[in-house]
Structures are given as structure tokens and as C-alpha cells.
C-alpha atoms as a PDB file:
ATOM      1  CA  MET A   1      24.904   1.272 -14.562  1.00  0.00           C
ATOM      2  CA  ARG A   2      27.284  -1.630 -15.141  1.00  0.00           C
ATOM      3  CA  HIS A   3      28.852  -0.857 -18.508  1.00  0.00           C
ATOM      4  CA  ALA A   4      31.403  -3.077 -20.283  1.00  0.00           C
ATOM      5  CA  ILE A   5      33.754  -2.119 -23.101  1.00  0.00           C
ATOM      6  CA  PHE A   6      34.582  -4.885 -25.566  1.00  0.00           C
ATOM      7  CA  GLY A   7      37.277  -3.710 -27.957  1.00  0.00           C
ATOM      8  CA  GLY A   8      38.929  -5.619 -30.760  1.00  0.00           C
ATOM      9  CA  SER A   9      39.818  -5.541 -34.409  1.00  0.00           C
ATOM     10  CA  PHE A  10      36.644  -7.587 -35.160  1.00  0.00           C
ATOM     11  CA  ASN A  11      38.217  -8.543 -38.469  1.00  0.00           C
ATOM     12  CA  PRO A  12      35.530  -9.815 -38.916  1.00  0.00           C
ATOM     13  CA  ILE A  13      33.250 -10.106 -35.901  1.00  0.00           C
ATOM     14  CA  HIS A  14      32.196 -13.741 -35.432  1.00  0.00           C
ATOM     15  CA  ASN A  15      29.642 -15.656 -33.382  1.00  0.00           C
ATOM     16  CA  ASP A  16      31.982 -16.364 -30.453  1.00  0.00           C
ATOM     17  CA  HIS A  17      32.440 -12.605 -30.006  1.00  0.00           C
ATOM     18  CA  ILE A  18      28.660 -12.277 -29.664  1.00  0.00           C
ATOM     19  CA  ARG A  19      28.337 -15.335 -27.411  1.00  0.00           C
ATOM     20  CA  LEU A  20      31.076 -13.991 -25.137  1.00  0.00           C
ATOM     21  CA  ALA A  21      29.460 -10.547 -24.871  1.00  0.00           C
ATOM     22  CA  LEU A  22      26.051 -12.062 -24.116  1.00  0.00           C
ATOM     23  CA  ARG A  23      27.429 -14.536 -21.598  1.00  0.00           C
ATOM     24  CA  PHE A  24      29.385 -11.869 -19.718  1.00  0.00           C
ATOM     25  CA  SER A  25      26.307  -9.652 -19.792  1.00  0.00           C
ATOM     26  CA  GLU A  26      24.331 -12.374 -18.025  1.00  0.00           C
ATOM     27  CA  GLU A  27      27.049 -13.809 -15.765  1.00  0.00           C
ATOM     28  CA  PHE A  28      28.217 -10.448 -14.416  1.00  0.00           C
ATOM     29  CA  SER A  29      24.853  -8.610 -14.543  1.00  0.00           C
ATOM     30  CA  LEU A  30      25.969  -6.013 -17.086  1.00  0.00           C
ATOM     31  CA  ASP A  31      23.453  -3.417 -18.218  1.00  0.00           C
ATOM     32  CA  ARG A  32      25.251  -2.619 -21.452  1.00  0.00           C
ATOM     33  CA  VAL A  33      28.140  -3.957 -23.541  1.00  0.00           C
ATOM     34  CA  THR A  34      29.743  -1.625 -26.080  1.00  0.00           C
ATOM     35  CA  LEU A  35      31.680  -3.273 -28.905  1.00  0.00           C
ATOM     36  CA  ILE A  36      34.422  -0.989 -30.192  1.00  0.00           C
ATOM     37  CA  PRO A  37      36.327  -1.827 -33.385  1.00  0.00           C
ATOM     38  CA  THR A  38      39.909  -0.610 -33.081  1.00  0.00           C
ATOM     39  CA  ASN A  39      41.533   1.723 -35.572  1.00  0.00           C
ATOM     40  CA  ILE A  40      45.142   0.509 -35.359  1.00  0.00           C
ATOM     41  CA  THR A  41      45.781  -2.185 -32.771  1.00  0.00           C
ATOM     42  CA  PRO A  42      49.049  -1.862 -30.836  1.00  0.00           C
ATOM     43  CA  LEU A  43      50.985  -5.140 -30.330  1.00  0.00           C
ATOM     44  CA  LYS A  44      49.258  -6.730 -33.352  1.00  0.00           C
ATOM     45  CA  ASP A  45      49.916  -7.133 -37.072  1.00  0.00           C
ATOM     46  CA  ASN A  46      47.451  -4.782 -38.797  1.00  0.00           C
ATOM     47  CA  SER A  47      48.446  -5.655 -42.379  1.00  0.00           C
ATOM     48  CA  ALA A  48      45.437  -7.892 -43.179  1.00  0.00           C
ATOM     49  CA  ILE A  49      42.812  -5.718 -41.545  1.00  0.00           C
ATOM     50  CA  ALA A  50      39.643  -4.652 -43.354  1.00  0.00           C
ATOM     51  CA  ASP A  51      38.670  -0.999 -43.579  1.00  0.00           C
ATOM     52  CA  GLY A  52      37.322   0.427 -40.318  1.00  0.00           C
ATOM     53  CA  ALA A  53      33.959   1.345 -41.855  1.00  0.00           C
ATOM     54  CA  ASP A  54      33.454  -2.267 -42.999  1.00  0.00           C
ATOM     55  CA  ARG A  55      34.357  -3.707 -39.600  1.00  0.00           C
ATOM     56  CA  LEU A  56      32.033  -1.207 -37.913  1.00  0.00           C
ATOM     57  CA  ASN A  57      29.165  -2.103 -40.270  1.00  0.00           C
ATOM     58  CA  MET A  58      29.687  -5.835 -39.659  1.00  0.00           C
ATOM     59  CA  CYS A  59      29.601  -5.252 -35.888  1.00  0.00           C
ATOM     60  CA  ARG A  60      26.330  -3.354 -36.257  1.00  0.00           C
ATOM     61  CA  LEU A  61      24.813  -6.158 -38.326  1.00  0.00           C
ATOM     62  CA  ALA A  62      25.938  -8.831 -35.846  1.00  0.00           C
ATOM     63  CA  THR A  63      24.487  -7.009 -32.819  1.00  0.00           C
ATOM     64  CA  GLU A  64      21.185  -5.884 -34.367  1.00  0.00           C
ATOM     65  CA  SER A  65      19.122  -8.524 -32.541  1.00  0.00           C
ATOM     66  CA  TYR A  66      20.562  -7.870 -29.077  1.00  0.00           C
ATOM     67  CA  PRO A  67      19.329  -4.741 -27.264  1.00  0.00           C
ATOM     68  CA  GLN A  68      21.973  -5.046 -24.520  1.00  0.00           C
ATOM     69  CA  LEU A  69      24.774  -4.810 -27.111  1.00  0.00           C
ATOM     70  CA  GLU A  70      25.769  -1.593 -28.857  1.00  0.00           C
ATOM     71  CA  VAL A  71      28.565  -0.573 -31.214  1.00  0.00           C
ATOM     72  CA  SER A  72      30.727   2.552 -31.041  1.00  0.00           C
ATOM     73  CA  ASP A  73      33.074   4.111 -33.587  1.00  0.00           C
ATOM     74  CA  ILE A  74      34.937   6.033 -30.857  1.00  0.00           C
ATOM     75  CA  GLU A  75      38.376   4.550 -31.700  1.00  0.00           C
ATOM     76  CA  LEU A  76      37.902   4.802 -35.465  1.00  0.00           C
ATOM     77  CA  ARG A  77      37.011   8.492 -35.088  1.00  0.00           C
ATOM     78  CA  ARG A  78      39.989   9.092 -32.824  1.00  0.00           C
ATOM     79  CA  ARG A  79      42.327   7.705 -35.522  1.00  0.00           C
ATOM     80  CA  GLY A  80      45.934   6.705 -34.841  1.00  0.00           C
ATOM     81  CA  LEU A  81      46.827   3.884 -32.450  1.00  0.00           C
ATOM     82  CA  SER A  82      43.876   2.606 -30.430  1.00  0.00           C
ATOM     83  CA  TYR A  83      44.939   2.739 -26.810  1.00  0.00           C
ATOM     84  CA  THR A  84      42.423   1.176 -24.439  1.00  0.00           C
ATOM     85  CA  SER A  85      43.464   3.612 -21.701  1.00  0.00           C
ATOM     86  CA  ASP A  86      42.263   6.512 -23.892  1.00  0.00           C
ATOM     87  CA  THR A  87      38.937   4.762 -24.512  1.00  0.00           C
ATOM     88  CA  VAL A  88      38.457   4.071 -20.807  1.00  0.00           C
ATOM     89  CA  ALA A  89      39.178   7.759 -20.092  1.00  0.00           C
ATOM     90  CA  GLN A  90      36.610   8.865 -22.708  1.00  0.00           C
ATOM     91  CA  LEU A  91      33.858   6.511 -21.529  1.00  0.00           C
ATOM     92  CA  LYS A  92      34.397   6.726 -17.770  1.00  0.00           C
ATOM     93  CA  THR A  93      31.587   8.500 -15.925  1.00  0.00           C
ATOM     94  CA  ASN A  94      30.747   8.893 -12.261  1.00  0.00           C
ATOM     95  CA  ASP A  95      27.445   7.081 -12.802  1.00  0.00           C
ATOM     96  CA  ASP A  96      28.825   3.937 -14.466  1.00  0.00           C
ATOM     97  CA  GLU A  97      30.770   1.031 -13.063  1.00  0.00           C
ATOM     98  CA  LEU A  98      33.154   0.309 -15.933  1.00  0.00           C
ATOM     99  CA  PHE A  99      34.270  -3.150 -17.060  1.00  0.00           C
ATOM    100  CA  LEU A 100      36.677  -4.191 -19.792  1.00  0.00           C
ATOM    101  CA  ILE A 101      36.200  -7.475 -21.667  1.00  0.00           C
ATOM    102  CA  VAL A 102      39.446  -8.986 -22.962  1.00  0.00           C
ATOM    103  CA  GLY A 103      40.363 -12.326 -24.509  1.00  0.00           C
ATOM    104  CA  ALA A 104      42.565 -14.734 -22.572  1.00  0.00           C
ATOM    105  CA  ASP A 105      45.438 -14.173 -25.022  1.00  0.00           C
ATOM    106  CA  MET A 106      45.210 -10.409 -24.468  1.00  0.00           C
ATOM    107  CA  TYR A 107      44.808 -10.690 -20.702  1.00  0.00           C
ATOM    108  CA  VAL A 108      48.268 -12.177 -20.214  1.00  0.00           C
ATOM    109  CA  THR A 109      49.814  -9.158 -21.997  1.00  0.00           C
ATOM    110  CA  LEU A 110      47.918  -6.447 -20.070  1.00  0.00           C
ATOM    111  CA  ASP A 111      51.049  -5.245 -18.284  1.00  0.00           C
ATOM    112  CA  LYS A 112      52.530  -4.409 -21.718  1.00  0.00           C
ATOM    113  CA  TRP A 113      49.588  -2.177 -22.658  1.00  0.00           C
ATOM    114  CA  HIS A 114      49.907   1.594 -22.832  1.00  0.00           C
ATOM    115  CA  ASP A 115      49.138   3.140 -19.417  1.00  0.00           C
ATOM    116  CA  PHE A 116      47.927  -0.209 -18.076  1.00  0.00           C
ATOM    117  CA  ARG A 117      47.898   1.094 -14.488  1.00  0.00           C
ATOM    118  CA  TYR A 118      45.232   3.639 -15.486  1.00  0.00           C
ATOM    119  CA  ILE A 119      43.126   0.805 -16.938  1.00  0.00           C
ATOM    120  CA  PHE A 120      43.496  -1.210 -13.725  1.00  0.00           C
ATOM    121  CA  GLU A 121      42.482   1.807 -11.614  1.00  0.00           C
ATOM    122  CA  ASN A 122      39.391   2.636 -13.661  1.00  0.00           C
ATOM    123  CA  ALA A 123      37.929  -0.637 -14.937  1.00  0.00           C
ATOM    124  CA  THR A 124      37.343  -4.179 -13.733  1.00  0.00           C
ATOM    125  CA  ILE A 125      38.702  -6.718 -16.225  1.00  0.00           C
ATOM    126  CA  LEU A 126      36.427  -9.532 -17.436  1.00  0.00           C
ATOM    127  CA  VAL A 127      38.103 -12.537 -19.036  1.00  0.00           C
ATOM    128  CA  ALA A 128      37.185 -16.103 -20.004  1.00  0.00           C
ATOM    129  CA  PRO A 129      39.546 -19.055 -20.443  1.00  0.00           C
ATOM    130  CA  ARG A 130      40.060 -20.575 -23.890  1.00  0.00           C
ATOM    131  CA  SER A 131      39.629 -24.065 -22.452  1.00  0.00           C
ATOM    132  CA  GLU A 132      38.883 -25.799 -19.139  1.00  0.00           C
ATOM    133  CA  LEU A 133      42.616 -25.808 -18.372  1.00  0.00           C
ATOM    134  CA  GLY A 134      43.023 -22.080 -19.000  1.00  0.00           C
ATOM    135  CA  TYR A 135      41.215 -21.001 -15.821  1.00  0.00           C
ATOM    136  CA  THR A 136      44.220 -21.820 -13.603  1.00  0.00           C
ATOM    137  CA  SER A 137      46.613 -19.888 -15.849  1.00  0.00           C
ATOM    138  CA  LEU A 138      44.366 -16.827 -15.745  1.00  0.00           C
ATOM    139  CA  LYS A 139      44.156 -17.026 -11.942  1.00  0.00           C
ATOM    140  CA  GLU A 140      47.966 -17.174 -11.734  1.00  0.00           C
ATOM    141  CA  LYS A 141      48.305 -14.153 -14.026  1.00  0.00           C
ATOM    142  CA  TYR A 142      45.749 -12.272 -11.957  1.00  0.00           C
ATOM    143  CA  GLU A 143      47.921 -12.817  -8.860  1.00  0.00           C
ATOM    144  CA  GLU A 144      50.806 -11.186 -10.773  1.00  0.00           C
ATOM    145  CA  PHE A 145      48.621  -8.175 -11.657  1.00  0.00           C
ATOM    146  CA  LYS A 146      47.128  -7.666  -8.171  1.00  0.00           C
ATOM    147  CA  PRO A 147      50.030  -5.524  -6.855  1.00  0.00           C
ATOM    148  CA  TYR A 148      49.221  -3.023  -9.650  1.00  0.00           C
ATOM    149  CA  GLY A 149      45.645  -2.678  -8.352  1.00  0.00           C
ATOM    150  CA  CYS A 150      44.096  -4.890 -11.015  1.00  0.00           C
ATOM    151  CA  ARG A 151      40.560  -6.147 -10.388  1.00  0.00           C
ATOM    152  CA  THR A 152      39.600  -9.180 -12.489  1.00  0.00           C
ATOM    153  CA  LEU A 153      36.530 -11.384 -12.753  1.00  0.00           C
ATOM    154  CA  ILE A 154      37.242 -14.685 -14.499  1.00  0.00           C
ATOM    155  CA  SER A 155      34.394 -16.593 -16.079  1.00  0.00           C
ATOM    156  CA  ARG A 156      34.190 -20.271 -15.236  1.00  0.00           C
ATOM    157  CA  TYR A 157      32.957 -21.026 -18.747  1.00  0.00           C
ATOM    158  CA  PRO A 158      35.539 -21.337 -21.519  1.00  0.00           C
ATOM    159  CA  VAL A 159      35.050 -19.343 -24.688  1.00  0.00           C
ATOM    160  CA  GLY A 160      34.884 -21.181 -28.028  1.00  0.00           C
ATOM    161  CA  GLU A 161      37.852 -21.764 -30.293  1.00  0.00           C
ATOM    162  CA  LEU A 162      36.482 -19.725 -33.204  1.00  0.00           C
ATOM    163  CA  SER A 163      38.762 -16.958 -34.474  1.00  0.00           C
ATOM    164  CA  SER A 164      38.637 -14.177 -37.040  1.00  0.00           C
ATOM    165  CA  THR A 165      41.702 -15.783 -38.661  1.00  0.00           C
ATOM    166  CA  ALA A 166      39.684 -18.973 -39.262  1.00  0.00           C
ATOM    167  CA  VAL A 167      36.808 -16.954 -40.733  1.00  0.00           C
ATOM    168  CA  ARG A 168      39.157 -15.140 -43.128  1.00  0.00           C
ATOM    169  CA  ALA A 169      40.741 -18.458 -44.152  1.00  0.00           C
ATOM    170  CA  ALA A 170      37.293 -19.916 -44.907  1.00  0.00           C
ATOM    171  CA  VAL A 171      36.416 -16.892 -47.049  1.00  0.00           C
ATOM    172  CA  LYS A 172      39.696 -17.161 -48.937  1.00  0.00           C
ATOM    173  CA  ALA A 173      39.065 -20.875 -49.563  1.00  0.00           C
ATOM    174  CA  GLY A 174      35.569 -20.098 -50.888  1.00  0.00           C
ATOM    175  CA  GLU A 175      33.888 -22.070 -48.110  1.00  0.00           C
ATOM    176  CA  SER A 176      30.531 -21.318 -46.506  1.00  0.00           C
ATOM    177  CA  LEU A 177      30.884 -19.556 -43.176  1.00  0.00           C
ATOM    178  CA  GLY A 178      28.061 -21.672 -41.743  1.00  0.00           C
ATOM    179  CA  ASP A 179      27.641 -20.867 -38.055  1.00  0.00           C
ATOM    180  CA  MET A 180      30.907 -18.924 -37.834  1.00  0.00           C
ATOM    181  CA  VAL A 181      29.298 -15.522 -38.399  1.00  0.00           C
ATOM    182  CA  ASP A 182      25.827 -13.997 -38.495  1.00  0.00           C
ATOM    183  CA  PRO A 183      24.235 -14.570 -41.944  1.00  0.00           C
ATOM    184  CA  ARG A 184      24.031 -10.787 -42.427  1.00  0.00           C
ATOM    185  CA  VAL A 185      27.776 -10.534 -41.826  1.00  0.00           C
ATOM    186  CA  GLU A 186      28.448 -13.338 -44.302  1.00  0.00           C
ATOM    187  CA  GLU A 187      26.327 -11.552 -46.894  1.00  0.00           C
ATOM    188  CA  TYR A 188      28.189  -8.289 -46.234  1.00  0.00           C
ATOM    189  CA  ILE A 189      31.579 -10.005 -46.648  1.00  0.00           C
ATOM    190  CA  LYS A 190      30.403 -11.552 -49.906  1.00  0.00           C
ATOM    191  CA  ASN A 191      28.934  -8.332 -51.321  1.00  0.00           C
ATOM    192  CA  LYS A 192      31.998  -6.280 -50.381  1.00  0.00           C
ATOM    193  CA  GLU A 193      34.402  -9.034 -51.531  1.00  0.00           C
ATOM    194  CA  LEU A 194      36.358  -8.831 -48.265  1.00  0.00           C
ATOM    195  CA  TYR A 195      39.201 -11.173 -47.259  1.00  0.00           C
ATOM    196  CA  ARG A 196      39.719 -12.685 -50.727  1.00  0.00           C
END
């Protein structure tokens, strides 16, 4: 089975997260994509992050209509810093070919990640450029990572410009989230009064 891990703060999950997961699923013939909300993200400011249970619930709502997508609370249950190497170790099986979906901004920092060599040895990285121009930069970075044993598949299709930061800003400004998030996620944010 070709199984991909897609970790992130998902603060909140938005439609480009879903589009990316679905596109990778199709482009790289993945059988399953597991979205994993982080507990505490290393190398990131965690001060404006919603409670883990809320982020998990929003991920579940956003993926409800897609049988090839699932959500796991593995990092929230583990508590502490969410190291991808630990998650890869927990999910690695002899039967699965493991993939790791990362954003372009995260890809260029992979060599700063905890135990990044273990990640390279045990998972193939999937990444998409942020724009048409970003493909070349990702290819150059991949050449830098190759001596560490990194395997990377780069999508030819750029991911959208939507971000969780933009979603939170829209909520704070009292604006409709329109096509930024699944309607069920928007309703959840409203009912829980998140990001105000």
C-alpha cells in the first residue's frame, strides 16, 4: 500500500490542504493519505494555535467526503514536540511504502528537522511548488539533499496561495470564509468562536 503522511498545524485546515492531498493522491497513485495535526510544531511559533481537539475535529469535518483521506490524532496523543521522525517510526510497516507530504516552505528546511536522515531513509518526500517558478528552486534543493539519501517527488502543479494565516485574519475581520474552508469547518469556527 502506498501510504502518505500529511502533517501540519492545520490551524485551521483549509481547502488548499484538501486539494493538495487529493492531487498528490491522484498524481502519485497513493492508496491512503493520513492528515496528522501536530501537537507542538518545532521551528514554528505556536502562540496563536487553536486547541488540538478543535484542529482535529476541523480536519475530520474537512475530510468527511473523501474516502482516500483519513485523520489521525497520533501526534496529539503523543504530546510534547511533534517530531516527524517519531511519526514516521510509528507508522512505518513492512507492507506500506511510506510517503511524506510537505509544503514547499517546509521542504527547504528539512535538513534542520529532528533526525532528518531517518526521515530520508524511511519515506519518500512529496512536495509541490508555490508557483510556476518554484519548481526549479525545489529541484535545486533536492540536489542538496540527495547525498543524505533523500528521495523526493516534485509535483509539476503549483499549490494555491491560500494559508491558514489568511483564514484566521478573515475570521478576525468578521469576513465570510467563502471558498477558503469547507462550510462545515466555517460553521465549527463560528460556533466555537475560534481565532477572534
